[in-house]
């Protein structure tokens, strides 16, 4: 898959929907459907799944964190082809449940597609691009410890989705929005820890 700046999320959801027609869908199925040549679309795919109600399924945030960390390491290392360990590739999710999540994501996805364009390019290239990729690696580290708080992982996944979408479409406004979500989460976490 080589998403174009316009229709990126809609196209990604279409591809995921095609894979979700089976009773169960493995990570390998999604990888084959989306394509192995570009890693950022896969990062976006995994993160938007966690934004959906699927994040409430036990084990999904932890497996998603492992997938995202593995993918982001490969982006940082500038690998041309994607590698994931076998135990992750074999992980499956219920097809009809994934289709429901995709349906839930279609309206906001179409809105994002309509309102994206190349802007604030400084945030999508050079040193700030690497900062964004580093943040996308750091956010999922907490997910295994937050399994019982699915909404927290959804917010973190939302931040990654915004940043990955911004990088794919060269729209720095979405990258900036992702920064704001992460900063808000850190501020809230610091406030809670201080109160305890």
N, C-alpha and C. Protein backbone atom coordinates (compact mmCIF):
# COMPACT_ATOMS: atom_id res chain seq x y z
N UNK A 1 0.85 -1.20 0.00
CA UNK A 1 0.00 0.00 0.00
C UNK A 1 0.88 1.24 0.00
N UNK A 2 0.57 2.16 -0.88
CA UNK A 2 1.25 3.44 -0.91
C UNK A 2 0.18 4.52 -0.82
N UNK A 3 -0.24 4.87 0.40
CA UNK A 3 -1.34 5.80 0.53
C UNK A 3 -1.01 7.16 -0.04
N UNK A 4 -1.99 7.77 -0.68
CA UNK A 4 -1.83 9.12 -1.16
C UNK A 4 -2.28 10.06 -0.06
N UNK A 5 -1.87 11.33 -0.10
CA UNK A 5 -2.26 12.26 0.96
C UNK A 5 -3.76 12.34 1.15
N UNK A 6 -4.55 12.22 0.05
CA UNK A 6 -5.99 12.32 0.17
C UNK A 6 -6.59 10.92 0.14
N UNK A 7 -7.43 10.60 1.12
CA UNK A 7 -8.05 9.28 1.18
C UNK A 7 -7.21 8.25 1.91
N UNK A 8 -6.20 8.68 2.64
CA UNK A 8 -5.31 7.75 3.32
C UNK A 8 -6.05 6.84 4.29
N UNK A 9 -6.84 7.42 5.20
CA UNK A 9 -7.53 6.61 6.21
C UNK A 9 -8.63 5.77 5.59
N UNK A 10 -9.38 6.33 4.68
CA UNK A 10 -10.46 5.58 4.03
C UNK A 10 -9.90 4.37 3.30
N UNK A 11 -8.82 4.57 2.56
CA UNK A 11 -8.18 3.46 1.84
C UNK A 11 -7.67 2.40 2.81
N UNK A 12 -7.09 2.82 3.89
CA UNK A 12 -6.57 1.89 4.89
C UNK A 12 -7.71 1.08 5.51
N UNK A 13 -8.81 1.74 5.84
CA UNK A 13 -9.97 1.04 6.41
C UNK A 13 -10.57 0.08 5.39
N UNK A 14 -10.58 0.45 4.12
CA UNK A 14 -11.08 -0.45 3.07
C UNK A 14 -10.26 -1.74 3.03
N UNK A 15 -8.94 -1.60 3.08
CA UNK A 15 -8.06 -2.76 3.02
C UNK A 15 -8.25 -3.65 4.26
N UNK A 16 -8.39 -3.03 5.42
CA UNK A 16 -8.61 -3.80 6.64
C UNK A 16 -9.96 -4.51 6.60
N UNK A 17 -10.96 -3.84 6.04
CA UNK A 17 -12.30 -4.42 5.92
C UNK A 17 -12.28 -5.65 5.03
N UNK A 18 -11.49 -5.60 3.96
CA UNK A 18 -11.36 -6.76 3.06
C UNK A 18 -10.79 -7.96 3.80
N UNK A 19 -9.82 -7.71 4.67
CA UNK A 19 -9.22 -8.81 5.43
C UNK A 19 -10.17 -9.33 6.49
N UNK A 20 -11.07 -8.48 6.98
CA UNK A 20 -11.95 -8.83 8.10
C UNK A 20 -13.17 -9.65 7.67
N UNK A 21 -13.27 -10.02 6.39
CA UNK A 21 -14.41 -10.82 5.95
C UNK A 21 -14.33 -12.25 6.46
N UNK A 22 -13.15 -12.70 6.87
CA UNK A 22 -12.98 -14.05 7.42
C UNK A 22 -13.45 -14.08 8.87
N UNK A 23 -13.81 -15.27 9.39
CA UNK A 23 -14.25 -15.37 10.79
C UNK A 23 -13.20 -14.88 11.79
N UNK A 24 -11.94 -15.12 11.48
CA UNK A 24 -10.86 -14.60 12.31
C UNK A 24 -9.76 -14.05 11.40
N UNK A 25 -9.12 -13.00 11.88
CA UNK A 25 -8.11 -12.31 11.07
C UNK A 25 -6.80 -12.29 11.85
N UNK A 26 -5.73 -12.76 11.24
CA UNK A 26 -4.43 -12.74 11.90
C UNK A 26 -3.68 -11.47 11.54
N UNK A 27 -2.66 -11.19 12.32
CA UNK A 27 -1.80 -10.05 12.01
C UNK A 27 -1.17 -10.26 10.63
N UNK A 28 -0.83 -11.51 10.31
CA UNK A 28 -0.26 -11.82 8.99
C UNK A 28 -1.25 -11.46 7.87
N UNK A 29 -2.54 -11.77 8.09
CA UNK A 29 -3.57 -11.44 7.09
C UNK A 29 -3.61 -9.93 6.83
N UNK A 30 -3.59 -9.14 7.92
CA UNK A 30 -3.63 -7.68 7.78
C UNK A 30 -2.38 -7.17 7.08
N UNK A 31 -1.23 -7.74 7.45
CA UNK A 31 0.03 -7.33 6.85
C UNK A 31 0.01 -7.58 5.34
N UNK A 32 -0.48 -8.76 4.94
CA UNK A 32 -0.52 -9.10 3.53
C UNK A 32 -1.50 -8.21 2.77
N UNK A 33 -2.62 -7.86 3.42
CA UNK A 33 -3.62 -7.03 2.76
C UNK A 33 -3.15 -5.59 2.61
N UNK A 34 -2.54 -5.06 3.66
CA UNK A 34 -2.11 -3.65 3.63
C UNK A 34 -0.85 -3.48 2.80
N UNK A 35 0.03 -4.48 2.84
CA UNK A 35 1.27 -4.40 2.07
C UNK A 35 2.47 -4.29 2.98
N UNK A 36 3.58 -4.84 2.53
CA UNK A 36 4.77 -4.92 3.37
C UNK A 36 5.83 -3.89 3.02
N UNK A 37 5.56 -3.04 2.03
CA UNK A 37 6.61 -2.13 1.58
C UNK A 37 6.68 -0.85 2.40
N UNK A 38 5.61 -0.51 3.10
CA UNK A 38 5.59 0.75 3.84
C UNK A 38 5.14 0.49 5.27
N UNK A 39 5.94 0.91 6.23
CA UNK A 39 5.67 0.58 7.63
C UNK A 39 4.68 1.55 8.27
N UNK A 40 4.77 2.83 7.96
CA UNK A 40 3.90 3.80 8.62
C UNK A 40 2.40 3.51 8.45
N UNK A 41 1.94 3.04 7.27
CA UNK A 41 0.52 2.67 7.19
C UNK A 41 0.13 1.58 8.18
N UNK A 42 1.06 0.65 8.43
CA UNK A 42 0.78 -0.41 9.42
C UNK A 42 0.73 0.16 10.83
N UNK A 43 1.62 1.11 11.12
CA UNK A 43 1.58 1.78 12.42
C UNK A 43 0.23 2.47 12.59
N UNK A 44 -0.22 3.15 11.54
CA UNK A 44 -1.51 3.82 11.58
C UNK A 44 -2.64 2.81 11.75
N UNK A 45 -2.57 1.68 11.03
CA UNK A 45 -3.62 0.65 11.12
C UNK A 45 -3.75 0.11 12.53
N UNK A 46 -2.62 -0.25 13.14
CA UNK A 46 -2.64 -0.82 14.49
C UNK A 46 -3.15 0.21 15.50
N UNK A 47 -2.69 1.44 15.38
CA UNK A 47 -3.08 2.45 16.36
C UNK A 47 -4.56 2.81 16.25
N UNK A 48 -5.11 2.86 15.03
CA UNK A 48 -6.54 3.20 14.94
C UNK A 48 -7.42 2.06 15.43
N UNK A 49 -6.92 0.82 15.33
CA UNK A 49 -7.68 -0.30 15.90
C UNK A 49 -7.79 -0.12 17.42
N UNK A 50 -6.72 0.35 18.06
CA UNK A 50 -6.73 0.53 19.51
C UNK A 50 -7.55 1.75 19.92
N UNK A 51 -7.74 2.70 19.00
CA UNK A 51 -8.62 3.83 19.30
C UNK A 51 -10.06 3.33 19.43
N UNK A 52 -10.40 2.29 18.68
CA UNK A 52 -11.77 1.76 18.66
C UNK A 52 -12.05 0.97 19.94
N UNK A 53 -13.32 0.53 20.13
CA UNK A 53 -13.66 -0.26 21.33
C UNK A 53 -12.90 -1.58 21.47
N UNK A 54 -12.20 -2.01 20.42
CA UNK A 54 -11.41 -3.24 20.50
C UNK A 54 -10.35 -3.15 21.60
N UNK A 55 -9.97 -1.94 21.97
CA UNK A 55 -8.95 -1.78 23.02
C UNK A 55 -9.40 -2.38 24.35
N UNK A 56 -10.70 -2.63 24.49
CA UNK A 56 -11.22 -3.22 25.73
C UNK A 56 -11.05 -4.72 25.81
N UNK A 57 -10.63 -5.37 24.71
CA UNK A 57 -10.42 -6.82 24.73
C UNK A 57 -9.12 -7.12 25.46
N UNK A 58 -9.15 -7.98 26.51
CA UNK A 58 -7.93 -8.29 27.25
C UNK A 58 -6.82 -8.81 26.33
N UNK A 59 -5.65 -8.28 26.52
CA UNK A 59 -4.48 -8.71 25.75
C UNK A 59 -4.23 -7.89 24.50
N UNK A 60 -5.26 -7.26 23.96
CA UNK A 60 -5.09 -6.49 22.71
C UNK A 60 -4.14 -5.31 22.90
N UNK A 61 -4.28 -4.49 23.96
CA UNK A 61 -3.32 -3.38 24.11
C UNK A 61 -1.87 -3.85 24.22
N UNK A 62 -1.64 -4.96 24.94
CA UNK A 62 -0.26 -5.45 25.10
C UNK A 62 0.31 -5.94 23.78
N UNK A 63 -0.46 -6.75 23.05
CA UNK A 63 0.01 -7.24 21.75
C UNK A 63 0.21 -6.07 20.79
N UNK A 64 -0.71 -5.11 20.82
CA UNK A 64 -0.58 -3.94 19.95
C UNK A 64 0.67 -3.14 20.28
N UNK A 65 0.97 -3.03 21.56
CA UNK A 65 2.19 -2.32 21.98
C UNK A 65 3.43 -3.01 21.42
N UNK A 66 3.46 -4.34 21.49
CA UNK A 66 4.60 -5.11 20.96
C UNK A 66 4.73 -4.89 19.45
N UNK A 67 3.59 -4.93 18.76
CA UNK A 67 3.61 -4.72 17.30
C UNK A 67 4.13 -3.33 16.97
N UNK A 68 3.58 -2.32 17.66
CA UNK A 68 3.97 -0.94 17.37
C UNK A 68 5.45 -0.70 17.67
N UNK A 69 5.93 -1.23 18.78
CA UNK A 69 7.35 -1.05 19.12
C UNK A 69 8.25 -1.71 18.07
N UNK A 70 7.85 -2.90 17.63
CA UNK A 70 8.64 -3.61 16.61
C UNK A 70 8.63 -2.83 15.29
N UNK A 71 7.46 -2.35 14.90
CA UNK A 71 7.36 -1.58 13.66
C UNK A 71 8.13 -0.27 13.73
N UNK A 72 7.98 0.45 14.86
CA UNK A 72 8.64 1.74 14.98
C UNK A 72 10.16 1.60 14.99
N UNK A 73 10.66 0.53 15.60
CA UNK A 73 12.11 0.29 15.57
C UNK A 73 12.59 0.15 14.13
N UNK A 74 11.77 -0.49 13.30
CA UNK A 74 12.15 -0.69 11.90
C UNK A 74 12.06 0.61 11.10
N UNK A 75 11.13 1.49 11.48
CA UNK A 75 11.08 2.80 10.84
C UNK A 75 12.35 3.58 11.18
N UNK A 76 12.71 3.56 12.47
CA UNK A 76 13.90 4.28 12.92
C UNK A 76 15.16 3.73 12.25
N UNK A 77 15.22 2.40 12.09
CA UNK A 77 16.38 1.77 11.46
C UNK A 77 16.32 1.83 9.93
N UNK A 78 15.21 2.41 9.42
CA UNK A 78 15.02 2.61 7.97
C UNK A 78 15.07 1.29 7.20
N UNK A 79 14.44 0.27 7.77
CA UNK A 79 14.34 -1.02 7.06
C UNK A 79 13.37 -0.88 5.90
N UNK A 80 13.69 -1.58 4.80
CA UNK A 80 12.84 -1.51 3.62
C UNK A 80 11.69 -2.52 3.69
N UNK A 81 11.91 -3.62 4.38
CA UNK A 81 10.88 -4.65 4.47
C UNK A 81 10.53 -4.91 5.94
N UNK A 82 9.28 -5.25 6.17
CA UNK A 82 8.78 -5.41 7.53
C UNK A 82 9.08 -6.80 8.05
N UNK A 83 9.48 -6.86 9.31
CA UNK A 83 9.67 -8.14 9.99
C UNK A 83 8.89 -8.11 11.30
N UNK A 84 8.15 -9.17 11.56
CA UNK A 84 7.49 -9.36 12.85
C UNK A 84 7.70 -10.80 13.26
N UNK A 85 7.89 -11.06 14.55
CA UNK A 85 8.08 -12.45 15.00
C UNK A 85 6.83 -13.28 14.75
N UNK A 86 7.03 -14.59 14.60
CA UNK A 86 5.94 -15.50 14.28
C UNK A 86 4.78 -15.47 15.26
N UNK A 87 5.08 -15.36 16.56
CA UNK A 87 4.00 -15.40 17.55
C UNK A 87 3.08 -14.18 17.43
N UNK A 88 3.62 -13.06 16.92
CA UNK A 88 2.78 -11.89 16.68
C UNK A 88 1.99 -12.07 15.38
N UNK A 89 2.64 -12.57 14.33
CA UNK A 89 1.97 -12.76 13.05
C UNK A 89 0.79 -13.73 13.17
N UNK A 90 0.87 -14.68 14.11
CA UNK A 90 -0.19 -15.67 14.28
C UNK A 90 -1.35 -15.18 15.15
N UNK A 91 -1.17 -14.07 15.84
CA UNK A 91 -2.25 -13.56 16.70
C UNK A 91 -3.47 -13.21 15.87
N UNK A 92 -4.64 -13.57 16.38
CA UNK A 92 -5.87 -13.38 15.62
C UNK A 92 -6.87 -12.52 16.37
N UNK A 93 -7.76 -11.90 15.60
CA UNK A 93 -8.85 -11.12 16.17
C UNK A 93 -10.12 -11.54 15.43
N UNK A 94 -11.23 -11.49 16.12
CA UNK A 94 -12.51 -11.87 15.54
C UNK A 94 -12.85 -10.95 14.36
N UNK A 95 -13.10 -11.55 13.17
CA UNK A 95 -13.38 -10.78 11.97
C UNK A 95 -14.58 -9.85 12.08
N UNK A 96 -15.77 -10.39 12.49
CA UNK A 96 -16.94 -9.51 12.62
C UNK A 96 -16.71 -8.36 13.62
N UNK A 97 -15.98 -8.64 14.69
CA UNK A 97 -15.71 -7.58 15.67
C UNK A 97 -14.81 -6.51 15.06
N UNK A 98 -13.85 -6.94 14.25
CA UNK A 98 -12.98 -5.98 13.57
C UNK A 98 -13.79 -5.15 12.57
N UNK A 99 -14.72 -5.79 11.86
CA UNK A 99 -15.56 -5.05 10.92
C UNK A 99 -16.40 -3.99 11.63
N UNK A 100 -16.91 -4.32 12.81
CA UNK A 100 -17.68 -3.35 13.58
C UNK A 100 -16.81 -2.15 13.96
N UNK A 101 -15.57 -2.45 14.37
CA UNK A 101 -14.64 -1.36 14.72
C UNK A 101 -14.34 -0.49 13.51
N UNK A 102 -14.17 -1.13 12.34
CA UNK A 102 -13.89 -0.38 11.11
C UNK A 102 -15.07 0.53 10.76
N UNK A 103 -16.28 -0.01 10.90
CA UNK A 103 -17.48 0.79 10.65
C UNK A 103 -17.53 1.99 11.58
N UNK A 104 -17.18 1.76 12.84
CA UNK A 104 -17.16 2.82 13.86
C UNK A 104 -16.15 3.92 13.51
N UNK A 105 -15.08 3.52 12.81
CA UNK A 105 -14.00 4.45 12.48
C UNK A 105 -14.19 5.18 11.14
N UNK A 106 -15.15 4.76 10.34
CA UNK A 106 -15.25 5.29 8.98
C UNK A 106 -15.58 6.79 8.93
N UNK A 107 -16.57 7.23 9.73
CA UNK A 107 -16.93 8.65 9.68
C UNK A 107 -15.79 9.55 10.12
N UNK A 108 -15.17 9.27 11.29
CA UNK A 108 -14.03 10.14 11.64
C UNK A 108 -12.88 10.02 10.64
N UNK A 109 -12.67 8.82 10.08
CA UNK A 109 -11.60 8.65 9.09
C UNK A 109 -11.84 9.50 7.86
N UNK A 110 -13.09 9.52 7.37
CA UNK A 110 -13.43 10.33 6.20
C UNK A 110 -13.25 11.82 6.50
N UNK A 111 -13.59 12.22 7.73
CA UNK A 111 -13.42 13.62 8.12
C UNK A 111 -11.95 14.01 8.09
N UNK A 112 -11.09 13.15 8.67
CA UNK A 112 -9.65 13.43 8.66
C UNK A 112 -9.13 13.52 7.23
N UNK A 113 -9.58 12.61 6.37
CA UNK A 113 -9.12 12.64 4.97
C UNK A 113 -9.50 13.95 4.29
N UNK A 114 -10.74 14.41 4.53
CA UNK A 114 -11.20 15.65 3.89
C UNK A 114 -10.46 16.87 4.38
N UNK A 115 -9.97 16.81 5.61
CA UNK A 115 -9.36 17.99 6.22
C UNK A 115 -7.84 17.88 6.38
N UNK A 116 -7.22 17.11 5.52
CA UNK A 116 -5.76 17.02 5.56
C UNK A 116 -5.16 17.59 4.28
N UNK A 117 -4.02 18.23 4.43
CA UNK A 117 -3.28 18.76 3.30
C UNK A 117 -1.86 19.07 3.78
N UNK A 118 -0.90 19.13 2.88
CA UNK A 118 0.47 19.44 3.30
C UNK A 118 0.54 20.83 3.94
N UNK A 119 0.98 20.90 5.18
CA UNK A 119 1.14 22.17 5.89
C UNK A 119 2.04 21.93 7.10
N UNK A 120 2.58 23.00 7.66
CA UNK A 120 3.52 22.89 8.78
C UNK A 120 4.54 21.78 8.51
N UNK A 121 5.13 21.83 7.33
CA UNK A 121 6.00 20.74 6.88
C UNK A 121 7.21 20.54 7.77
N UNK A 122 7.58 21.57 8.51
CA UNK A 122 8.72 21.47 9.42
C UNK A 122 8.52 20.33 10.43
N UNK A 123 7.26 20.06 10.79
CA UNK A 123 6.96 19.02 11.78
C UNK A 123 6.96 17.61 11.19
N UNK A 124 7.05 17.50 9.87
CA UNK A 124 6.96 16.19 9.24
C UNK A 124 8.28 15.72 8.62
N UNK A 125 9.33 16.50 8.79
CA UNK A 125 10.61 16.16 8.17
C UNK A 125 11.77 16.52 9.10
N UNK A 126 12.94 15.99 8.77
CA UNK A 126 14.14 16.34 9.52
C UNK A 126 14.11 15.91 10.97
N UNK A 127 14.74 16.68 11.86
CA UNK A 127 14.83 16.31 13.28
C UNK A 127 13.48 16.14 13.96
N UNK A 128 12.49 16.95 13.59
CA UNK A 128 11.18 16.84 14.23
C UNK A 128 10.45 15.56 13.82
N UNK A 129 10.73 15.06 12.63
CA UNK A 129 10.17 13.76 12.23
C UNK A 129 10.71 12.67 13.15
N UNK A 130 12.00 12.73 13.44
CA UNK A 130 12.60 11.73 14.32
C UNK A 130 12.07 11.85 15.74
N UNK A 131 11.82 13.08 16.18
CA UNK A 131 11.21 13.27 17.49
C UNK A 131 9.83 12.62 17.53
N UNK A 132 9.05 12.81 16.47
CA UNK A 132 7.72 12.22 16.39
C UNK A 132 7.80 10.69 16.44
N UNK A 133 8.72 10.12 15.69
CA UNK A 133 8.87 8.66 15.68
C UNK A 133 9.28 8.15 17.07
N UNK A 134 10.14 8.90 17.76
CA UNK A 134 10.56 8.51 19.10
C UNK A 134 9.38 8.53 20.07
N UNK A 135 8.53 9.55 19.97
CA UNK A 135 7.34 9.63 20.82
C UNK A 135 6.40 8.46 20.53
N UNK A 136 6.25 8.13 19.24
CA UNK A 136 5.40 7.00 18.86
C UNK A 136 5.92 5.68 19.42
N UNK A 137 7.23 5.60 19.65
CA UNK A 137 7.80 4.40 20.27
C UNK A 137 7.60 4.41 21.78
N UNK A 138 7.65 5.58 22.38
CA UNK A 138 7.58 5.68 23.85
C UNK A 138 6.17 5.46 24.38
N UNK A 139 5.17 5.96 23.68
CA UNK A 139 3.79 5.90 24.19
C UNK A 139 3.31 4.48 24.50
N UNK A 140 3.52 3.48 23.60
CA UNK A 140 3.00 2.14 23.88
C UNK A 140 3.69 1.41 25.04
N UNK A 141 4.83 1.92 25.50
CA UNK A 141 5.55 1.23 26.57
C UNK A 141 4.70 1.04 27.83
N UNK A 142 3.77 1.96 28.06
CA UNK A 142 2.94 1.89 29.27
C UNK A 142 1.71 1.01 29.11
N UNK A 143 1.35 0.64 27.89
CA UNK A 143 0.09 -0.07 27.66
C UNK A 143 -0.05 -1.40 28.40
N UNK A 144 1.00 -2.24 28.46
CA UNK A 144 0.82 -3.51 29.19
C UNK A 144 0.43 -3.31 30.65
N UNK A 145 0.81 -2.16 31.23
CA UNK A 145 0.49 -1.89 32.63
C UNK A 145 -0.88 -1.22 32.79
N UNK A 146 -1.50 -0.90 31.66
CA UNK A 146 -2.78 -0.18 31.70
C UNK A 146 -3.91 -1.00 31.08
N UNK A 147 -3.73 -2.32 31.03
CA UNK A 147 -4.72 -3.21 30.42
C UNK A 147 -6.12 -3.00 30.99
N UNK A 148 -6.22 -2.73 32.29
CA UNK A 148 -7.53 -2.57 32.92
C UNK A 148 -8.14 -1.20 32.68
N UNK A 149 -7.39 -0.32 32.03
CA UNK A 149 -7.88 1.03 31.73
C UNK A 149 -7.84 1.26 30.23
N UNK A 150 -8.74 0.58 29.47
CA UNK A 150 -8.68 0.63 28.01
C UNK A 150 -8.78 2.04 27.42
N UNK A 151 -9.50 2.94 28.08
CA UNK A 151 -9.63 4.29 27.55
C UNK A 151 -8.28 5.02 27.53
N UNK A 152 -7.42 4.68 28.50
CA UNK A 152 -6.09 5.30 28.54
C UNK A 152 -5.28 4.88 27.31
N UNK A 153 -5.34 3.57 27.00
CA UNK A 153 -4.61 3.11 25.83
C UNK A 153 -5.22 3.69 24.55
N UNK A 154 -6.54 3.91 24.56
CA UNK A 154 -7.18 4.52 23.38
C UNK A 154 -6.67 5.94 23.15
N UNK A 155 -6.49 6.70 24.24
CA UNK A 155 -5.96 8.06 24.09
C UNK A 155 -4.53 8.02 23.55
N UNK A 156 -3.72 7.11 24.08
CA UNK A 156 -2.34 6.97 23.60
C UNK A 156 -2.31 6.57 22.13
N UNK A 157 -3.19 5.62 21.77
CA UNK A 157 -3.27 5.18 20.38
C UNK A 157 -3.76 6.31 19.49
N UNK A 158 -4.66 7.14 20.04
CA UNK A 158 -5.13 8.31 19.28
C UNK A 158 -4.00 9.26 18.96
N UNK A 159 -3.12 9.46 19.93
CA UNK A 159 -1.97 10.34 19.70
C UNK A 159 -1.06 9.77 18.61
N UNK A 160 -0.81 8.46 18.66
CA UNK A 160 0.03 7.82 17.64
C UNK A 160 -0.65 7.91 16.28
N UNK A 161 -1.97 7.68 16.25
CA UNK A 161 -2.72 7.77 14.99
C UNK A 161 -2.57 9.15 14.37
N UNK A 162 -2.73 10.18 15.18
CA UNK A 162 -2.60 11.55 14.68
C UNK A 162 -1.22 11.81 14.10
N UNK A 163 -0.20 11.37 14.83
CA UNK A 163 1.17 11.63 14.39
C UNK A 163 1.52 10.83 13.13
N UNK A 164 1.11 9.54 13.10
CA UNK A 164 1.39 8.72 11.91
C UNK A 164 0.64 9.25 10.70
N UNK A 165 -0.61 9.66 10.91
CA UNK A 165 -1.40 10.23 9.82
C UNK A 165 -0.75 11.52 9.32
N UNK A 166 -0.30 12.34 10.24
CA UNK A 166 0.37 13.59 9.87
C UNK A 166 1.63 13.35 9.06
N UNK A 167 2.42 12.34 9.45
CA UNK A 167 3.64 12.03 8.71
C UNK A 167 3.32 11.49 7.32
N UNK A 168 2.29 10.64 7.24
CA UNK A 168 1.92 10.06 5.94
C UNK A 168 1.40 11.10 4.97
N UNK A 169 0.62 12.04 5.48
CA UNK A 169 0.01 13.05 4.62
C UNK A 169 0.81 14.35 4.55
N UNK A 170 1.92 14.39 5.29
CA UNK A 170 2.77 15.58 5.39
C UNK A 170 1.98 16.76 5.94
N UNK A 171 1.08 16.45 6.87
CA UNK A 171 0.26 17.48 7.49
C UNK A 171 0.71 17.65 8.94
N UNK A 172 1.54 18.66 9.16
CA UNK A 172 2.10 18.89 10.49
C UNK A 172 1.07 19.27 11.54
N UNK A 173 -0.11 19.71 11.10
CA UNK A 173 -1.15 20.07 12.07
C UNK A 173 -1.58 18.85 12.87
N UNK A 174 -1.66 17.69 12.22
CA UNK A 174 -2.03 16.46 12.93
C UNK A 174 -0.90 15.98 13.83
N UNK A 175 0.33 16.18 13.38
CA UNK A 175 1.47 15.84 14.24
C UNK A 175 1.43 16.69 15.51
N UNK A 176 1.16 17.98 15.34
CA UNK A 176 1.06 18.88 16.48
C UNK A 176 -0.08 18.46 17.41
N UNK A 177 -1.21 18.05 16.84
CA UNK A 177 -2.33 17.58 17.65
C UNK A 177 -1.92 16.35 18.46
N UNK A 178 -1.13 15.47 17.85
CA UNK A 178 -0.64 14.30 18.58
C UNK A 178 0.25 14.69 19.74
N UNK A 179 1.12 15.68 19.52
CA UNK A 179 1.96 16.19 20.61
C UNK A 179 1.11 16.70 21.77
N UNK A 180 0.04 17.42 21.43
CA UNK A 180 -0.82 18.00 22.47
C UNK A 180 -1.50 16.90 23.28
N UNK A 181 -1.96 15.84 22.61
CA UNK A 181 -2.59 14.72 23.32
C UNK A 181 -1.59 14.06 24.27
N UNK A 182 -0.37 13.83 23.78
CA UNK A 182 0.66 13.21 24.63
C UNK A 182 0.99 14.11 25.81
N UNK A 183 1.16 15.41 25.57
CA UNK A 183 1.48 16.35 26.65
C UNK A 183 0.37 16.38 27.69
N UNK A 184 -0.88 16.33 27.23
CA UNK A 184 -2.02 16.31 28.15
C UNK A 184 -2.02 15.05 29.00
N UNK A 185 -1.72 13.90 28.39
CA UNK A 185 -1.66 12.63 29.12
C UNK A 185 -0.56 12.67 30.18
N UNK A 186 0.60 13.19 29.80
CA UNK A 186 1.73 13.28 30.74
C UNK A 186 1.37 14.20 31.90
N UNK A 187 0.73 15.32 31.59
CA UNK A 187 0.32 16.27 32.63
C UNK A 187 -0.67 15.64 33.59
N UNK A 188 -1.67 14.94 33.06
CA UNK A 188 -2.66 14.27 33.89
C UNK A 188 -2.02 13.18 34.77
N UNK A 189 -1.12 12.40 34.17
CA UNK A 189 -0.44 11.33 34.91
C UNK A 189 0.40 11.92 36.04
N UNK A 190 1.09 13.01 35.75
CA UNK A 190 1.91 13.68 36.77
C UNK A 190 1.05 14.21 37.90
N UNK A 191 -0.10 14.77 37.56
CA UNK A 191 -1.03 15.32 38.57
C UNK A 191 -1.56 14.20 39.47
N UNK A 192 -1.92 13.06 38.86
CA UNK A 192 -2.45 11.92 39.63
C UNK A 192 -1.39 11.37 40.56
N UNK A 193 -0.17 11.20 40.03
CA UNK A 193 0.93 10.67 40.86
C UNK A 193 1.24 11.62 42.01
N UNK A 194 1.23 12.92 41.74
CA UNK A 194 1.50 13.91 42.78
C UNK A 194 0.41 13.88 43.86
N UNK A 195 -0.83 13.65 43.43
CA UNK A 195 -1.95 13.62 44.38
C UNK A 195 -1.89 12.39 45.27
N UNK A 196 -1.37 11.30 44.74
CA UNK A 196 -1.25 10.06 45.52
C UNK A 196 -0.08 10.19 46.50
